[in-house]
């Protein structure tokens, strides 16, 4: 209830800024994961270390994808509410 009252006080401009910042942050994270993936195997001889690093990066990438999906769903709800308000 308290959390919802805090969101109700946000302006559309603030929400738009959060959306923009979130998109930049998600893109930055995806780029960082890609960069780590390209550098993860440099100079590594052990197959076990390579496999471990690949698994860790796969996990992190999957987690980011799930966060992005959740963000997209939440944003879709917001957009739908704005459209519904305009219809009224």
Protein backbone atom coordinates (compact mmCIF):
# COMPACT_ATOMS: atom_id res chain seq x y z
CA UNK A 1 0.00 0.00 0.00
CA UNK A 2 2.80 2.41 0.93
CA UNK A 3 4.77 1.45 -2.17
CA UNK A 4 1.76 2.03 -4.41
CA UNK A 5 1.18 5.48 -2.92
CA UNK A 6 4.81 6.37 -3.72
CA UNK A 7 4.35 5.32 -7.36
CA UNK A 8 1.13 7.28 -7.61
CA UNK A 9 3.10 10.42 -6.84
CA UNK A 10 5.51 9.93 -9.72
CA UNK A 11 4.98 12.03 -12.78
CA UNK A 12 4.91 10.62 -16.29
CA UNK A 13 8.19 12.42 -16.94
CA UNK A 14 9.80 10.62 -13.99
CA UNK A 15 8.45 7.30 -15.21
CA UNK A 16 9.75 8.00 -18.71
CA UNK A 17 13.18 8.82 -17.27
CA UNK A 18 13.21 5.57 -15.29
CA UNK A 19 12.25 3.67 -18.45
CA UNK A 20 15.05 5.34 -20.37
CA UNK A 21 17.59 4.67 -17.63
CA UNK A 22 16.47 1.05 -17.35
CA UNK A 23 16.89 0.50 -21.08
CA UNK A 24 20.36 2.02 -21.04
CA UNK A 25 21.30 -0.09 -18.03
CA UNK A 26 20.03 -3.31 -19.63
CA UNK A 27 21.90 -2.53 -22.86
CA UNK A 28 25.07 -1.79 -20.87
CA UNK A 29 24.74 -5.09 -19.02
CA UNK A 30 24.23 -7.01 -22.27
CA UNK A 31 27.31 -5.35 -23.77
CA UNK A 32 29.37 -6.14 -20.66
CA UNK A 33 28.30 -9.80 -20.77
CA UNK A 34 29.24 -9.96 -24.45
CA UNK A 35 32.63 -8.41 -23.71
CA UNK A 36 33.24 -10.80 -20.82
CA UNK A 37 32.29 -13.72 -23.05
CA UNK A 38 34.87 -12.72 -25.67
CA UNK A 39 37.57 -12.28 -23.02
CA UNK A 40 36.65 -15.24 -20.82
CA UNK A 41 38.73 -17.82 -22.63
CA UNK A 42 41.84 -15.79 -23.41
CA UNK A 43 44.92 -17.49 -22.01
CA UNK A 44 42.93 -20.25 -20.30
CA UNK A 45 44.28 -23.75 -20.85
CA UNK A 46 41.90 -25.78 -18.70
CA UNK A 47 38.73 -27.07 -20.34
CA UNK A 48 37.09 -27.14 -16.91
CA UNK A 49 37.75 -23.43 -16.36
CA UNK A 50 36.42 -22.61 -19.85
CA UNK A 51 33.31 -24.67 -19.20
CA UNK A 52 32.77 -23.03 -15.82
CA UNK A 53 33.13 -19.52 -17.21
CA UNK A 54 30.76 -20.32 -20.07
CA UNK A 55 28.20 -21.69 -17.62
CA UNK A 56 28.46 -18.62 -15.37
CA UNK A 57 28.09 -16.24 -18.31
CA UNK A 58 25.15 -18.26 -19.65
CA UNK A 59 23.50 -18.00 -16.24
CA UNK A 60 24.08 -14.25 -16.03
CA UNK A 61 22.82 -13.73 -19.58
CA UNK A 62 19.71 -15.79 -18.87
CA UNK A 63 19.07 -13.79 -15.70
CA UNK A 64 19.36 -10.53 -17.64
CA UNK A 65 16.93 -11.84 -20.25
CA UNK A 66 14.41 -12.68 -17.53
CA UNK A 67 14.81 -9.21 -15.99
CA UNK A 68 14.30 -7.63 -19.43
CA UNK A 69 11.18 -9.73 -19.97
CA UNK A 70 9.76 -8.69 -16.60
CA UNK A 71 10.58 -5.06 -17.36
CA UNK A 72 8.84 -5.33 -20.74
CA UNK A 73 5.75 -6.83 -19.15
CA UNK A 74 5.61 -4.06 -16.54
CA UNK A 75 6.09 -1.39 -19.19
CA UNK A 76 3.32 -2.93 -21.31
CA UNK A 77 0.98 -2.68 -18.32
CA UNK A 78 1.90 1.00 -17.92
CA UNK A 79 1.34 1.71 -21.61
CA UNK A 80 -2.01 -0.09 -21.50
CA UNK A 81 -3.09 2.04 -18.53
CA UNK A 82 -2.13 5.23 -20.35
CA UNK A 83 -4.11 4.14 -23.42
CA UNK A 84 -7.09 3.22 -21.26
CA UNK A 85 -6.98 6.64 -19.55
CA UNK A 86 -6.91 8.39 -22.92
CA UNK A 87 -9.94 6.42 -24.07
CA UNK A 88 -11.89 7.60 -21.05
